[in-house]
Protein backbone atom coordinates (compact mmCIF):
# COMPACT_ATOMS: atom_id res chain seq x y z
CA MET A 1 4.55 5.60 -8.14
CA ASP A 2 6.23 3.75 -11.00
CA GLY A 3 6.97 0.15 -10.21
CA PHE A 4 9.15 -2.44 -11.82
CA ASP A 5 9.00 -2.61 -15.62
CA GLY A 6 6.53 0.26 -15.81
CA PHE A 7 3.87 -1.31 -13.58
CA GLN A 8 2.23 0.93 -11.02
CA ILE A 9 -0.21 0.55 -8.16
CA GLY A 10 -3.78 0.76 -9.39
CA GLN A 11 -2.95 -0.32 -12.94
CA LEU A 12 -5.26 -2.84 -14.56
CA VAL A 13 -3.64 -5.98 -15.95
CA ILE A 14 -4.89 -9.17 -17.62
CA SER A 15 -3.71 -12.56 -16.43
CA LYS A 16 -1.98 -14.61 -19.17
CA ALA A 17 -1.41 -17.83 -17.21
CA GLY A 18 -2.97 -19.98 -14.51
CA ARG A 19 -6.54 -20.66 -13.44
CA ASP A 20 -7.33 -16.97 -13.62
CA LYS A 21 -6.22 -16.66 -17.28
CA GLY A 22 -8.09 -13.82 -19.00
CA THR A 23 -9.15 -12.17 -15.73
CA VAL A 24 -8.79 -8.40 -15.35
CA MET A 25 -7.08 -7.53 -12.07
CA VAL A 26 -5.81 -4.45 -10.21
CA VAL A 27 -2.17 -4.14 -9.13
CA MET A 28 -2.14 -3.72 -5.34
CA SER A 29 1.65 -3.69 -4.90
CA VAL A 30 4.84 -4.25 -6.88
CA GLU A 31 7.70 -6.32 -5.47
CA PRO A 32 9.90 -7.49 -8.37
CA PRO A 33 9.66 -10.02 -9.88
CA TYR A 34 6.11 -10.28 -8.50
CA LEU A 35 2.90 -8.27 -8.57
CA TYR A 36 0.15 -8.58 -5.97
CA LEU A 37 -3.21 -8.56 -7.76
CA CYS A 38 -6.89 -8.42 -6.78
CA ASP A 39 -10.12 -8.71 -8.70
CA GLY A 40 -12.48 -8.12 -5.76
CA LYS A 41 -14.29 -11.41 -6.33
CA THR A 42 -12.14 -14.54 -6.20
CA ARG A 43 -9.16 -12.52 -4.96
CA PRO A 44 -10.30 -9.89 -2.44
CA ALA A 45 -8.10 -7.05 -1.23
CA ALA A 46 -7.49 -8.92 2.04
CA ARG A 47 -5.56 -11.68 0.23
CA PRO A 48 -4.08 -10.54 -3.09
CA LYS A 49 -2.71 -13.00 -5.64
CA LYS A 50 1.09 -13.13 -5.94
CA LYS A 51 1.86 -13.44 -9.65
CA LYS A 52 5.04 -13.16 -11.70
CA ILE A 53 5.27 -10.10 -13.92
CA THR A 54 5.82 -12.30 -16.99
CA HIS A 55 2.39 -13.91 -16.43
CA VAL A 56 0.37 -10.71 -16.84
CA GLN A 57 -0.39 -8.46 -19.78
CA LYS A 58 0.02 -4.77 -19.07
CA THR A 59 -2.73 -2.31 -20.05
CA ASN A 60 -2.66 1.47 -20.20
CA ALA A 61 -5.66 1.73 -17.87
CA VAL A 62 -5.15 2.87 -14.29
CA SER A 63 -8.03 2.72 -11.82
CA ASP A 64 -9.03 5.81 -9.88
CA ILE A 65 -9.51 4.02 -6.56
CA LYS A 66 -8.41 6.62 -4.03
CA GLY A 67 -7.52 4.17 -1.27
CA LEU A 68 -4.81 2.58 -3.42
CA ILE A 69 -3.03 5.87 -3.93
CA ILE A 70 -3.22 6.89 -0.28
CA GLY A 71 -2.49 3.39 1.02
CA LYS A 72 -5.75 3.01 2.94
CA LYS A 73 -8.06 0.00 3.02
CA VAL A 74 -9.86 -0.59 -0.27
CA LYS A 75 -13.35 -2.04 -0.71
CA ASP A 76 -13.73 -5.14 -2.86
CA SER A 77 -16.75 -3.53 -4.54
CA ASP A 78 -14.53 -0.67 -5.77
CA ILE A 79 -12.04 -3.16 -7.21
CA ARG A 80 -14.83 -5.15 -8.92
CA ARG A 81 -16.25 -1.95 -10.40
CA ALA A 82 -12.86 -0.92 -11.82
CA CYS A 83 -12.33 -4.37 -13.36
CA ASN A 84 -15.85 -4.55 -14.79
CA ASP A 85 -15.64 -1.04 -16.28
CA PHE A 86 -12.42 -2.01 -18.07
CA ALA A 87 -13.88 -5.28 -19.36
CA LEU A 88 -16.79 -3.48 -21.03
């Protein structure tokens, strides 16, 4: 499940640039040189944010959202919970 530059699906990242600077987001997919990110609030799973890899800060945290691993539909509430738990 390793992606480009060590990023993987379900990993939590922090935005370093743009309007969403400082926002914790979940990696939904990896397509170099871009990541598709969701936070479950302003960016729901239905329309992930396309962001360059250089504009995010990698963390060691990986969410345990089962739908991401299997490739099934993911609830926005699960994404929000994962992001909020990391932010605390």
